[in-house]
N, C-alpha and C. Protein backbone atom coordinates (compact mmCIF):
# COMPACT_ATOMS: atom_id res chain seq x y z
N MET A 1 153.03 -109.75 53.82
CA MET A 1 153.05 -110.66 54.95
C MET A 1 154.01 -110.17 56.03
N ASN A 2 155.19 -109.70 55.60
CA ASN A 2 156.16 -109.20 56.57
C ASN A 2 155.64 -107.98 57.31
N LYS A 3 154.90 -107.09 56.61
CA LYS A 3 154.33 -105.92 57.25
C LYS A 3 153.32 -106.34 58.33
N THR A 4 152.51 -107.32 58.03
CA THR A 4 151.50 -107.81 58.98
C THR A 4 152.19 -108.40 60.21
N PHE A 5 153.22 -109.20 59.96
CA PHE A 5 153.95 -109.81 61.07
C PHE A 5 154.62 -108.74 61.93
N LEU A 6 155.26 -107.76 61.30
CA LEU A 6 155.93 -106.70 62.04
C LEU A 6 154.93 -105.84 62.81
N SER A 7 153.78 -105.58 62.22
CA SER A 7 152.73 -104.81 62.91
C SER A 7 152.23 -105.57 64.14
N LEU A 8 152.02 -106.86 63.97
CA LEU A 8 151.56 -107.70 65.08
C LEU A 8 152.62 -107.75 66.18
N LEU A 9 153.88 -107.90 65.79
CA LEU A 9 154.97 -107.93 66.76
C LEU A 9 155.06 -106.59 67.50
N PHE A 10 154.92 -105.51 66.78
CA PHE A 10 154.96 -104.18 67.39
C PHE A 10 153.83 -104.03 68.42
N LEU A 11 152.62 -104.45 68.06
CA LEU A 11 151.49 -104.36 68.99
C LEU A 11 151.72 -105.21 70.23
N CYS A 12 152.27 -106.40 70.04
CA CYS A 12 152.57 -107.26 71.20
C CYS A 12 153.58 -106.60 72.13
N LEU A 13 154.61 -106.01 71.56
CA LEU A 13 155.62 -105.34 72.38
C LEU A 13 155.03 -104.11 73.07
N LEU A 14 154.13 -103.42 72.38
CA LEU A 14 153.51 -102.24 72.94
C LEU A 14 152.59 -102.59 74.12
N TYR A 15 151.81 -103.65 74.00
CA TYR A 15 150.84 -103.99 75.03
C TYR A 15 151.39 -104.88 76.14
N SER A 16 152.50 -105.55 75.93
CA SER A 16 153.01 -106.45 76.97
C SER A 16 153.36 -105.74 78.27
N PRO A 17 153.94 -104.51 78.26
CA PRO A 17 154.16 -103.83 79.55
C PRO A 17 152.84 -103.51 80.26
N MET A 18 151.80 -103.20 79.49
CA MET A 18 150.51 -102.91 80.09
C MET A 18 149.93 -104.16 80.76
N LEU A 19 150.08 -105.29 80.11
CA LEU A 19 149.59 -106.54 80.69
C LEU A 19 150.37 -106.87 81.95
N GLU A 20 151.66 -106.62 81.93
CA GLU A 20 152.50 -106.88 83.10
C GLU A 20 152.12 -105.97 84.25
N ALA A 21 151.75 -104.72 83.94
CA ALA A 21 151.40 -103.76 84.98
C ALA A 21 150.13 -104.16 85.71
N LYS A 22 149.26 -104.95 85.07
CA LYS A 22 148.01 -105.36 85.70
C LYS A 22 148.20 -106.55 86.63
N LYS A 23 149.38 -107.12 86.65
CA LYS A 23 149.65 -108.22 87.57
C LYS A 23 149.43 -107.74 88.99
N ILE A 24 148.75 -108.53 89.76
CA ILE A 24 148.44 -108.15 91.13
C ILE A 24 149.44 -108.82 92.05
N LYS A 25 150.11 -107.99 92.86
CA LYS A 25 151.12 -108.56 93.75
C LYS A 25 150.49 -108.95 95.08
N LYS A 26 151.08 -109.93 95.70
CA LYS A 26 150.65 -110.38 97.01
C LYS A 26 150.90 -109.27 98.02
N LEU A 27 149.93 -109.05 98.91
CA LEU A 27 150.05 -108.01 99.92
C LEU A 27 151.18 -108.31 100.89
N GLN A 28 151.82 -107.24 101.33
CA GLN A 28 152.92 -107.33 102.28
C GLN A 28 152.64 -106.37 103.44
N ILE A 29 153.33 -106.58 104.55
CA ILE A 29 153.26 -105.64 105.66
C ILE A 29 153.66 -104.26 105.14
N GLY A 30 152.90 -103.25 105.49
CA GLY A 30 153.17 -101.89 105.04
C GLY A 30 152.33 -101.47 103.84
N ASP A 31 151.79 -102.43 103.10
CA ASP A 31 150.91 -102.11 101.96
C ASP A 31 149.58 -101.59 102.47
N ARG A 32 148.97 -100.75 101.68
CA ARG A 32 147.60 -100.31 101.97
C ARG A 32 146.67 -101.45 101.55
N PHE A 33 145.67 -101.72 102.37
CA PHE A 33 144.71 -102.77 102.03
C PHE A 33 144.01 -102.38 100.73
N PRO A 34 143.79 -103.34 99.81
CA PRO A 34 143.19 -103.00 98.51
C PRO A 34 141.73 -102.57 98.63
N LYS A 35 141.29 -101.80 97.69
CA LYS A 35 139.91 -101.32 97.66
C LYS A 35 138.96 -102.51 97.52
N MET A 36 137.92 -102.50 98.35
CA MET A 36 136.92 -103.56 98.33
C MET A 36 135.58 -102.93 98.72
N GLU A 37 134.58 -103.14 97.90
CA GLU A 37 133.25 -102.59 98.19
C GLU A 37 132.32 -103.71 98.61
N GLY A 38 131.48 -103.42 99.57
CA GLY A 38 130.52 -104.41 100.03
C GLY A 38 129.45 -103.76 100.87
N GLU A 39 128.63 -104.61 101.47
CA GLU A 39 127.54 -104.11 102.30
C GLU A 39 127.56 -104.82 103.64
N LEU A 40 127.49 -104.02 104.70
CA LEU A 40 127.40 -104.60 106.03
C LEU A 40 126.04 -105.25 106.19
N LEU A 41 125.94 -106.22 107.07
CA LEU A 41 124.63 -106.83 107.33
C LEU A 41 123.66 -105.83 107.93
N SER A 42 124.17 -104.70 108.43
CA SER A 42 123.32 -103.62 108.91
C SER A 42 122.77 -102.79 107.75
N SER A 43 123.04 -103.22 106.52
CA SER A 43 122.56 -102.63 105.26
C SER A 43 123.29 -101.36 104.84
N LYS A 44 124.41 -101.06 105.45
CA LYS A 44 125.21 -99.90 105.06
C LYS A 44 126.26 -100.34 104.05
N LYS A 45 126.33 -99.64 102.91
CA LYS A 45 127.37 -99.92 101.90
C LYS A 45 128.65 -99.22 102.32
N ILE A 46 129.75 -99.95 102.23
CA ILE A 46 131.05 -99.38 102.63
C ILE A 46 132.12 -99.75 101.60
N THR A 47 133.21 -99.02 101.67
CA THR A 47 134.39 -99.29 100.87
C THR A 47 135.57 -99.42 101.83
N LEU A 48 136.28 -100.52 101.70
CA LEU A 48 137.50 -100.71 102.48
C LEU A 48 138.68 -100.26 101.63
N PRO A 49 139.72 -99.73 102.18
CA PRO A 49 139.97 -99.49 103.59
C PRO A 49 139.44 -98.16 104.10
N ASN A 50 138.77 -97.36 103.24
CA ASN A 50 138.30 -96.03 103.65
C ASN A 50 137.44 -96.09 104.91
N HIS A 51 136.59 -97.08 105.01
CA HIS A 51 135.69 -97.21 106.16
C HIS A 51 136.48 -97.39 107.46
N CYS A 52 137.71 -97.85 107.35
CA CYS A 52 138.53 -98.16 108.52
C CYS A 52 139.45 -97.02 108.95
N GLU A 53 139.59 -96.00 108.12
CA GLU A 53 140.54 -94.93 108.43
C GLU A 53 140.20 -94.26 109.74
N GLY A 54 141.24 -94.03 110.53
CA GLY A 54 141.07 -93.43 111.85
C GLY A 54 140.83 -94.46 112.95
N LYS A 55 140.75 -95.73 112.58
CA LYS A 55 140.54 -96.81 113.54
C LYS A 55 141.59 -97.89 113.29
N VAL A 56 141.99 -98.56 114.34
CA VAL A 56 142.78 -99.78 114.20
C VAL A 56 141.76 -100.86 113.86
N THR A 57 142.00 -101.58 112.76
CA THR A 57 140.97 -102.48 112.24
C THR A 57 141.51 -103.88 112.01
N LEU A 58 140.73 -104.85 112.45
CA LEU A 58 141.02 -106.25 112.18
C LEU A 58 140.03 -106.72 111.12
N LEU A 59 140.55 -107.14 109.97
CA LEU A 59 139.73 -107.67 108.88
C LEU A 59 140.02 -109.15 108.75
N ILE A 60 138.96 -109.94 108.62
CA ILE A 60 139.13 -111.38 108.39
C ILE A 60 138.27 -111.76 107.20
N ALA A 61 138.92 -112.20 106.12
CA ALA A 61 138.23 -112.60 104.91
C ALA A 61 138.17 -114.12 104.85
N ALA A 62 137.01 -114.61 104.37
CA ALA A 62 136.82 -116.05 104.25
C ALA A 62 136.15 -116.38 102.92
N PHE A 63 136.64 -117.41 102.27
CA PHE A 63 136.13 -117.82 100.97
C PHE A 63 135.21 -119.03 101.04
N LYS A 64 135.20 -119.70 102.17
CA LYS A 64 134.36 -120.90 102.35
C LYS A 64 133.57 -120.77 103.63
N ARG A 65 132.42 -121.39 103.64
CA ARG A 65 131.53 -121.34 104.80
C ARG A 65 132.13 -122.01 106.03
N GLY A 66 132.89 -123.04 105.86
CA GLY A 66 133.40 -123.82 106.97
C GLY A 66 134.54 -123.19 107.75
N THR A 67 134.81 -121.92 107.54
CA THR A 67 135.95 -121.27 108.22
C THR A 67 135.55 -120.58 109.52
N GLN A 68 134.28 -120.64 109.91
CA GLN A 68 133.84 -119.88 111.07
C GLN A 68 134.59 -120.23 112.35
N ASP A 69 134.92 -121.50 112.55
CA ASP A 69 135.69 -121.87 113.75
C ASP A 69 137.07 -121.20 113.75
N GLN A 70 137.70 -121.12 112.58
CA GLN A 70 138.99 -120.43 112.47
C GLN A 70 138.82 -118.95 112.81
N ILE A 71 137.80 -118.33 112.23
CA ILE A 71 137.54 -116.91 112.48
C ILE A 71 137.31 -116.68 113.97
N ASP A 72 136.48 -117.53 114.57
CA ASP A 72 136.17 -117.38 116.00
C ASP A 72 137.42 -117.55 116.87
N SER A 73 138.37 -118.38 116.41
CA SER A 73 139.59 -118.57 117.20
C SER A 73 140.37 -117.26 117.31
N TRP A 74 140.21 -116.37 116.35
CA TRP A 74 140.84 -115.05 116.40
C TRP A 74 139.95 -114.04 117.11
N THR A 75 138.67 -114.03 116.72
CA THR A 75 137.80 -112.94 117.18
C THR A 75 137.39 -113.05 118.64
N ARG A 76 137.18 -114.22 119.14
CA ARG A 76 136.74 -114.33 120.55
C ARG A 76 137.72 -113.65 121.50
N PRO A 77 139.01 -114.01 121.48
CA PRO A 77 139.92 -113.33 122.41
C PRO A 77 140.14 -111.85 122.07
N ILE A 78 140.13 -111.51 120.79
CA ILE A 78 140.37 -110.11 120.40
C ILE A 78 139.18 -109.24 120.79
N LEU A 79 137.97 -109.70 120.53
CA LEU A 79 136.80 -108.91 120.91
C LEU A 79 136.65 -108.84 122.42
N PHE A 80 137.02 -109.91 123.13
CA PHE A 80 137.00 -109.87 124.58
C PHE A 80 137.90 -108.76 125.09
N GLU A 81 139.04 -108.62 124.45
CA GLU A 81 140.05 -107.64 124.86
C GLU A 81 139.72 -106.22 124.42
N PHE A 82 139.14 -106.05 123.22
CA PHE A 82 139.04 -104.71 122.63
C PHE A 82 137.63 -104.26 122.24
N SER A 83 136.59 -105.01 122.55
CA SER A 83 135.25 -104.64 122.09
C SER A 83 134.77 -103.29 122.63
N GLN A 84 135.28 -102.86 123.76
CA GLN A 84 134.88 -101.57 124.34
C GLN A 84 135.77 -100.42 123.87
N GLU A 85 136.79 -100.72 123.11
CA GLU A 85 137.74 -99.70 122.63
C GLU A 85 137.15 -98.98 121.41
N GLU A 86 136.90 -97.69 121.53
CA GLU A 86 136.28 -96.93 120.44
C GLU A 86 137.17 -96.78 119.22
N GLU A 87 138.47 -96.88 119.39
CA GLU A 87 139.41 -96.73 118.27
C GLU A 87 139.70 -98.06 117.57
N PHE A 88 138.96 -99.10 117.95
CA PHE A 88 139.17 -100.43 117.36
C PHE A 88 137.92 -100.84 116.59
N ARG A 89 138.15 -101.45 115.43
CA ARG A 89 137.05 -101.93 114.58
C ARG A 89 137.40 -103.34 114.10
N PHE A 90 136.38 -104.17 114.00
CA PHE A 90 136.52 -105.53 113.48
C PHE A 90 135.50 -105.74 112.38
N ILE A 91 135.94 -106.32 111.26
CA ILE A 91 135.02 -106.65 110.17
C ILE A 91 135.37 -108.03 109.61
N GLU A 92 134.37 -108.87 109.59
CA GLU A 92 134.46 -110.19 108.97
C GLU A 92 133.91 -110.05 107.55
N ILE A 93 134.62 -110.64 106.58
CA ILE A 93 134.24 -110.45 105.18
C ILE A 93 134.03 -111.81 104.49
N PRO A 94 132.78 -112.25 104.39
CA PRO A 94 132.52 -113.41 103.53
C PRO A 94 132.74 -113.01 102.07
N MET A 95 133.67 -113.70 101.41
CA MET A 95 134.03 -113.40 100.02
C MET A 95 133.21 -114.34 99.13
N ILE A 96 132.25 -113.77 98.40
CA ILE A 96 131.30 -114.58 97.64
C ILE A 96 131.43 -114.23 96.17
N SER A 97 131.53 -115.26 95.36
CA SER A 97 131.67 -115.08 93.92
C SER A 97 130.50 -114.28 93.35
N ASN A 98 130.82 -113.48 92.34
CA ASN A 98 129.81 -112.69 91.65
C ASN A 98 128.68 -113.56 91.10
N PHE A 99 128.97 -114.83 90.86
CA PHE A 99 127.97 -115.78 90.35
C PHE A 99 126.73 -115.81 91.25
N TYR A 100 126.93 -115.59 92.56
CA TYR A 100 125.82 -115.67 93.51
C TYR A 100 125.17 -114.32 93.80
N SER A 101 125.58 -113.28 93.11
CA SER A 101 125.05 -111.94 93.41
C SER A 101 123.54 -111.86 93.16
N TRP A 102 123.01 -112.67 92.27
CA TRP A 102 121.58 -112.64 91.98
C TRP A 102 120.74 -113.14 93.16
N ILE A 103 121.36 -113.86 94.10
CA ILE A 103 120.64 -114.30 95.30
C ILE A 103 121.26 -113.67 96.56
N SER A 104 121.92 -112.53 96.37
CA SER A 104 122.61 -111.89 97.50
C SER A 104 121.64 -111.52 98.64
N ASN A 105 120.44 -111.08 98.31
CA ASN A 105 119.47 -110.75 99.37
C ASN A 105 119.14 -111.98 100.20
N TYR A 106 118.95 -113.10 99.54
CA TYR A 106 118.65 -114.35 100.23
C TYR A 106 119.83 -114.76 101.14
N ILE A 107 121.04 -114.69 100.60
CA ILE A 107 122.25 -115.05 101.37
C ILE A 107 122.42 -114.10 102.56
N ASN A 108 122.33 -112.79 102.30
CA ASN A 108 122.51 -111.81 103.36
C ASN A 108 121.45 -111.96 104.45
N ASN A 109 120.20 -112.19 104.05
CA ASN A 109 119.14 -112.38 105.05
C ASN A 109 119.39 -113.64 105.87
N GLY A 110 119.90 -114.68 105.25
CA GLY A 110 120.25 -115.89 105.99
C GLY A 110 121.33 -115.61 107.02
N MET A 111 122.33 -114.82 106.63
CA MET A 111 123.39 -114.46 107.58
C MET A 111 122.83 -113.57 108.69
N ARG A 112 121.96 -112.62 108.34
CA ARG A 112 121.36 -111.75 109.36
C ARG A 112 120.61 -112.58 110.41
N ASN A 113 119.90 -113.60 109.94
CA ASN A 113 119.14 -114.45 110.85
C ASN A 113 120.04 -115.31 111.73
N GLY A 114 121.24 -115.62 111.26
CA GLY A 114 122.15 -116.48 112.02
C GLY A 114 123.15 -115.75 112.89
N ILE A 115 123.19 -114.42 112.78
CA ILE A 115 124.17 -113.62 113.52
C ILE A 115 123.41 -112.62 114.38
N ILE A 116 123.82 -112.49 115.63
CA ILE A 116 123.11 -111.54 116.50
C ILE A 116 123.20 -110.13 115.92
N SER A 117 122.12 -109.38 116.06
CA SER A 117 122.00 -108.08 115.38
C SER A 117 123.09 -107.08 115.78
N SER A 118 123.60 -107.17 117.00
CA SER A 118 124.66 -106.24 117.41
C SER A 118 125.95 -106.45 116.61
N MET A 119 126.09 -107.61 115.97
CA MET A 119 127.29 -107.89 115.16
C MET A 119 127.09 -107.59 113.67
N HIS A 120 125.90 -107.16 113.26
CA HIS A 120 125.64 -106.90 111.84
C HIS A 120 126.55 -105.81 111.28
N LYS A 121 126.98 -104.88 112.13
CA LYS A 121 127.89 -103.81 111.69
C LYS A 121 129.32 -104.33 111.51
N ASN A 122 129.55 -105.59 111.88
CA ASN A 122 130.88 -106.18 111.80
C ASN A 122 131.03 -107.23 110.70
N VAL A 123 130.00 -107.39 109.88
CA VAL A 123 130.06 -108.38 108.80
C VAL A 123 129.73 -107.68 107.49
N MET A 124 130.70 -107.67 106.58
CA MET A 124 130.53 -107.06 105.26
C MET A 124 130.57 -108.16 104.21
N THR A 125 129.51 -108.31 103.45
CA THR A 125 129.53 -109.30 102.37
C THR A 125 130.11 -108.64 101.12
N TYR A 126 131.00 -109.38 100.49
CA TYR A 126 131.60 -108.95 99.23
C TYR A 126 131.10 -109.91 98.16
N TYR A 127 130.51 -109.37 97.09
CA TYR A 127 130.12 -110.16 95.93
C TYR A 127 130.89 -109.62 94.74
N GLY A 128 131.67 -110.46 94.10
CA GLY A 128 132.43 -110.00 92.95
C GLY A 128 133.47 -111.02 92.54
N SER A 129 134.37 -110.56 91.69
CA SER A 129 135.46 -111.41 91.24
C SER A 129 136.37 -111.73 92.42
N LEU A 130 136.73 -112.99 92.54
CA LEU A 130 137.59 -113.41 93.64
C LEU A 130 139.05 -113.53 93.23
N ASP A 131 139.32 -113.66 91.94
CA ASP A 131 140.67 -113.93 91.46
C ASP A 131 141.70 -112.93 91.95
N GLU A 132 141.40 -111.63 91.85
CA GLU A 132 142.40 -110.64 92.27
C GLU A 132 142.65 -110.73 93.78
N TYR A 133 141.63 -111.07 94.55
CA TYR A 133 141.83 -111.20 96.00
C TYR A 133 142.57 -112.48 96.34
N PHE A 134 142.40 -113.54 95.53
CA PHE A 134 143.23 -114.74 95.71
C PHE A 134 144.70 -114.35 95.57
N ASN A 135 144.99 -113.50 94.59
CA ASN A 135 146.37 -113.04 94.37
C ASN A 135 146.82 -112.10 95.49
N TYR A 136 146.00 -111.11 95.81
CA TYR A 136 146.35 -110.17 96.88
C TYR A 136 146.68 -110.90 98.18
N PHE A 137 145.80 -111.83 98.57
CA PHE A 137 145.92 -112.49 99.86
C PHE A 137 146.87 -113.68 99.83
N GLY A 138 147.36 -114.05 98.65
CA GLY A 138 148.24 -115.21 98.54
C GLY A 138 147.51 -116.50 98.89
N VAL A 139 146.28 -116.63 98.42
CA VAL A 139 145.44 -117.77 98.78
C VAL A 139 145.98 -119.04 98.14
N GLU A 140 146.38 -119.96 98.98
CA GLU A 140 146.78 -121.29 98.53
C GLU A 140 145.73 -122.32 98.91
N ASP A 141 144.94 -121.98 99.93
CA ASP A 141 143.90 -122.88 100.41
C ASP A 141 142.66 -122.06 100.74
N ARG A 142 141.60 -122.25 99.96
CA ARG A 142 140.36 -121.49 100.16
C ARG A 142 139.63 -121.88 101.44
N LYS A 143 140.07 -122.93 102.08
CA LYS A 143 139.43 -123.38 103.32
C LYS A 143 139.97 -122.65 104.54
N LEU A 144 140.90 -121.72 104.32
CA LEU A 144 141.47 -120.94 105.42
C LEU A 144 140.89 -119.53 105.42
N CYS A 145 140.82 -118.92 106.60
CA CYS A 145 140.48 -117.50 106.67
C CYS A 145 141.79 -116.71 106.57
N TYR A 146 141.67 -115.46 106.14
CA TYR A 146 142.83 -114.59 105.94
C TYR A 146 142.64 -113.33 106.76
N LEU A 147 143.59 -113.07 107.67
CA LEU A 147 143.48 -112.01 108.66
C LEU A 147 144.45 -110.88 108.36
N PHE A 148 143.96 -109.64 108.51
CA PHE A 148 144.76 -108.44 108.28
C PHE A 148 144.49 -107.44 109.40
N LEU A 149 145.54 -106.96 110.03
CA LEU A 149 145.43 -105.89 111.01
C LEU A 149 145.89 -104.62 110.33
N LEU A 150 145.01 -103.60 110.32
CA LEU A 150 145.32 -102.33 109.67
C LEU A 150 145.53 -101.25 110.71
N ASN A 151 146.48 -100.37 110.43
CA ASN A 151 146.64 -99.20 111.29
C ASN A 151 145.58 -98.17 110.92
N LYS A 152 145.63 -97.01 111.54
CA LYS A 152 144.60 -95.99 111.33
C LYS A 152 144.64 -95.38 109.92
N LYS A 153 145.69 -95.68 109.17
CA LYS A 153 145.81 -95.18 107.79
C LYS A 153 145.36 -96.23 106.77
N GLY A 154 144.97 -97.43 107.23
CA GLY A 154 144.55 -98.48 106.32
C GLY A 154 145.71 -99.33 105.80
N GLU A 155 146.87 -99.21 106.45
CA GLU A 155 148.05 -99.98 106.05
C GLU A 155 148.13 -101.27 106.86
N ILE A 156 148.58 -102.33 106.22
CA ILE A 156 148.65 -103.64 106.85
C ILE A 156 149.85 -103.69 107.80
N CYS A 157 149.58 -104.07 109.06
CA CYS A 157 150.63 -104.17 110.08
C CYS A 157 150.85 -105.60 110.53
N TYR A 158 149.91 -106.47 110.25
CA TYR A 158 150.01 -107.88 110.67
C TYR A 158 149.12 -108.68 109.74
N MET A 159 149.58 -109.88 109.36
CA MET A 159 148.80 -110.78 108.52
C MET A 159 148.96 -112.20 109.05
N ASN A 160 147.92 -112.98 108.86
CA ASN A 160 147.96 -114.38 109.24
C ASN A 160 146.84 -115.10 108.52
N LYS A 161 146.77 -116.39 108.70
CA LYS A 161 145.70 -117.17 108.07
C LYS A 161 145.44 -118.42 108.89
N GLY A 162 144.25 -118.97 108.69
CA GLY A 162 143.88 -120.21 109.38
C GLY A 162 143.53 -119.98 110.83
N GLU A 163 143.61 -121.03 111.60
CA GLU A 163 143.27 -120.98 113.02
C GLU A 163 144.40 -120.33 113.82
N SER A 164 144.02 -119.61 114.86
CA SER A 164 145.03 -118.93 115.68
C SER A 164 145.66 -119.89 116.68
N SER A 165 146.80 -119.48 117.18
CA SER A 165 147.45 -120.17 118.30
C SER A 165 147.52 -119.17 119.44
N SER A 166 147.82 -119.63 120.64
CA SER A 166 147.89 -118.71 121.78
C SER A 166 149.02 -117.69 121.58
N ASN A 167 150.14 -118.10 121.00
CA ASN A 167 151.24 -117.15 120.74
C ASN A 167 150.85 -116.10 119.71
N GLU A 168 150.12 -116.52 118.68
CA GLU A 168 149.68 -115.57 117.65
C GLU A 168 148.68 -114.56 118.24
N ILE A 169 147.81 -115.03 119.11
CA ILE A 169 146.86 -114.12 119.76
C ILE A 169 147.60 -113.12 120.64
N LYS A 170 148.60 -113.60 121.40
CA LYS A 170 149.39 -112.68 122.24
C LYS A 170 150.07 -111.62 121.38
N THR A 171 150.64 -112.03 120.26
CA THR A 171 151.30 -111.09 119.34
C THR A 171 150.29 -110.09 118.80
N LEU A 172 149.14 -110.57 118.37
CA LEU A 172 148.11 -109.69 117.80
C LEU A 172 147.60 -108.69 118.84
N ILE A 173 147.33 -109.14 120.05
CA ILE A 173 146.88 -108.24 121.12
C ILE A 173 147.94 -107.17 121.38
N HIS A 174 149.19 -107.59 121.44
CA HIS A 174 150.30 -106.64 121.64
C HIS A 174 150.34 -105.61 120.52
N ASP A 175 150.25 -106.08 119.28
CA ASP A 175 150.30 -105.17 118.13
C ASP A 175 149.12 -104.20 118.12
N ILE A 176 147.94 -104.68 118.48
CA ILE A 176 146.76 -103.80 118.52
C ILE A 176 146.97 -102.72 119.59
N ARG A 177 147.47 -103.11 120.75
CA ARG A 177 147.71 -102.12 121.81
C ARG A 177 148.68 -101.03 121.35
N ILE A 178 149.74 -101.43 120.71
CA ILE A 178 150.72 -100.45 120.22
C ILE A 178 150.07 -99.51 119.20
N LEU A 179 149.29 -100.05 118.28
CA LEU A 179 148.65 -99.23 117.27
C LEU A 179 147.61 -98.28 117.87
N LEU A 180 146.94 -98.73 118.90
CA LEU A 180 145.95 -97.87 119.57
C LEU A 180 146.61 -96.68 120.28
N GLU A 181 147.85 -96.86 120.71
CA GLU A 181 148.57 -95.79 121.39
C GLU A 181 149.12 -94.75 120.44
N GLU A 182 149.22 -95.08 119.17
CA GLU A 182 149.79 -94.14 118.17
C GLU A 182 148.85 -93.00 117.87
């Protein structure tokens, strides 16, 4: 009995550092955006942040359908300011549970029909586990959108969530301009 207990204790001690290493930390300024695979509504499969390298990129992830007004509060002024800038990229990411992957074509086609075709290259659907991204993004409220500004190396330079304010937009525009000059 003692041998069994000691063996079990040894295995627990051996594997506990491995379990701890899998803990996902909340993203911080300066971190590289985590790997995420998805498909643009233009039907191109991409991997983030690789798809963004060489461009200043604004990513906005949303876990609920009702966040579009929040997303638009960021994107309208930013796209007005930078849509003609070749070194700038914007991607909206609907984060959809893997549970719905069996109807992904139906969901994606519905989004394609509701979004003007020129914006299809700016919407990437993600189907998969959401838990690690809840941890990465520090999600406390799934009803908020989560915004990340990446430099040309895919590193996070600015983060925010929810609806924008005029001061936050001014800060974001300023930060994008600085990154575009680098």
